[in-house]
Each structure stands twice: as structure tokens, then as C-alpha cells.
């Protein structure tokens, strides 16, 4: 199963939704709280070009945020990405 990196904050409802979906898939998620690690926010922005959370990577692929993650699920592509 692919490793998942998820940049988040403790108060973000979209982060909660994304984590819930990934937990339901038994994905291995490495969560990075950008509120607790300010340098991680800069790293996230440099990697993704985006300021908002969540920002999600499956393996080396930048998925995007919660909406993009759920779009992959609806398209039937998420399980294949996680299986890689």
C-alpha cells in the first residue's frame, strides 16, 4: 500500500473528512500539522504551490485537497492509487 502524506490543521473540517476517508481505506497516513510545525506549512506551500489544507500526496503524486481526494474516490481511482 502506498504511503500517504497529509498536511493538515487540527480545526479544519476538510482535513477531518479526508482523514476519515483514508482511514476507511486502511491507508497508512503520515499527518503533518502545519499549525504545530510552522516550517511544515512553508514546505507544503513549496511542494504544492497551495496555501490551503489539506494537501495530500499518495506516494509521490500530489492529489490536491479534500475535493480532489473525493473526486478520485467517485471516479473509482483511489483504491488503485493506494494499492501502488
Protein backbone atom coordinates (compact mmCIF):
# COMPACT_ATOMS: atom_id res chain seq x y z
CA UNK A 1 0.00 0.00 0.00
CA UNK A 2 1.24 3.48 -0.87
CA UNK A 3 2.21 5.90 1.86
CA UNK A 4 0.00 8.96 2.21
CA UNK A 5 1.27 12.33 3.39
CA UNK A 6 -1.41 14.70 4.60
CA UNK A 7 -0.70 18.28 5.66
CA UNK A 8 -3.49 19.46 7.95
CA UNK A 9 -4.57 21.59 10.89
CA UNK A 10 -6.47 20.47 13.97
CA UNK A 11 -9.50 22.65 13.23
CA UNK A 12 -10.04 22.01 9.51
CA UNK A 13 -13.30 20.14 8.66
CA UNK A 14 -11.95 19.22 5.21
CA UNK A 15 -8.92 17.62 6.86
CA UNK A 16 -11.25 15.57 9.07
CA UNK A 17 -13.24 14.38 6.04
CA UNK A 18 -10.08 13.43 4.13
CA UNK A 19 -8.63 11.57 7.13
CA UNK A 20 -11.92 9.73 7.66
CA UNK A 21 -12.00 8.56 4.02
CA UNK A 22 -8.37 7.42 4.15
CA UNK A 23 -8.90 5.65 7.49
CA UNK A 24 -11.81 3.77 5.94
CA UNK A 25 -9.36 2.56 3.27
CA UNK A 26 -6.85 1.48 5.95
CA UNK A 27 -4.30 3.80 4.36
CA UNK A 28 -1.01 4.50 6.12
CA UNK A 29 -1.23 8.26 6.67
CA UNK A 30 1.65 10.43 7.81
CA UNK A 31 -0.11 13.54 9.07
CA UNK A 32 1.77 16.81 9.41
CA UNK A 33 0.03 19.51 11.46
CA UNK A 34 1.11 22.82 9.94
CA UNK A 35 -0.16 24.79 12.94
CA UNK A 36 2.23 22.95 15.24
CA UNK A 37 5.08 22.94 12.73
CA UNK A 38 5.28 26.36 11.01
CA UNK A 39 8.19 25.22 8.85
CA UNK A 40 5.96 22.42 7.54
CA UNK A 41 3.49 24.99 6.18
CA UNK A 42 6.29 26.58 4.15
CA UNK A 43 7.35 23.12 2.97
CA UNK A 44 3.75 22.28 1.98
CA UNK A 45 3.41 25.52 0.03
CA UNK A 46 6.72 24.96 -1.76
CA UNK A 47 5.76 21.37 -2.68
CA UNK A 48 2.17 22.05 -3.72
CA UNK A 49 2.04 25.71 -4.70
CA UNK A 50 -1.06 25.96 -2.49
CA UNK A 51 -1.76 27.58 0.87
CA UNK A 52 -4.85 25.64 1.95
CA UNK A 53 -5.14 22.40 3.89
CA UNK A 54 -5.42 19.57 3.49
CA UNK A 55 -2.75 18.93 0.90
CA UNK A 56 -2.43 15.24 0.16
CA UNK A 57 0.20 13.11 -1.53
CA UNK A 58 -0.24 9.44 -2.31
CA UNK A 59 3.26 8.14 -2.84
CA UNK A 60 4.94 10.84 -4.92
CA UNK A 61 1.70 12.01 -6.55
CA UNK A 62 0.20 15.26 -5.33
CA UNK A 63 -3.53 14.57 -5.18
CA UNK A 64 -4.52 18.05 -4.01
CA UNK A 65 -7.09 18.70 -1.32
CA UNK A 66 -10.19 17.07 0.06
CA UNK A 67 -12.32 17.74 -3.03
CA UNK A 68 -9.76 16.11 -5.31
CA UNK A 69 -9.43 13.13 -2.98
CA UNK A 70 -13.19 12.55 -3.03
CA UNK A 71 -13.24 13.01 -6.81
CA UNK A 72 -10.71 10.18 -7.10
CA UNK A 73 -12.95 8.06 -4.89
CA UNK A 74 -16.04 8.79 -7.03
CA UNK A 75 -14.10 8.01 -10.21
CA UNK A 76 -13.02 4.65 -8.77
CA UNK A 77 -9.32 5.59 -8.91
CA UNK A 78 -8.47 6.00 -5.23
CA UNK A 79 -8.15 2.32 -4.38
CA UNK A 80 -5.73 1.77 -7.27
CA UNK A 81 -3.57 4.72 -6.18
CA UNK A 82 -3.47 3.47 -2.61
CA UNK A 83 -2.57 -0.05 -3.76
CA UNK A 84 0.55 1.08 -5.63
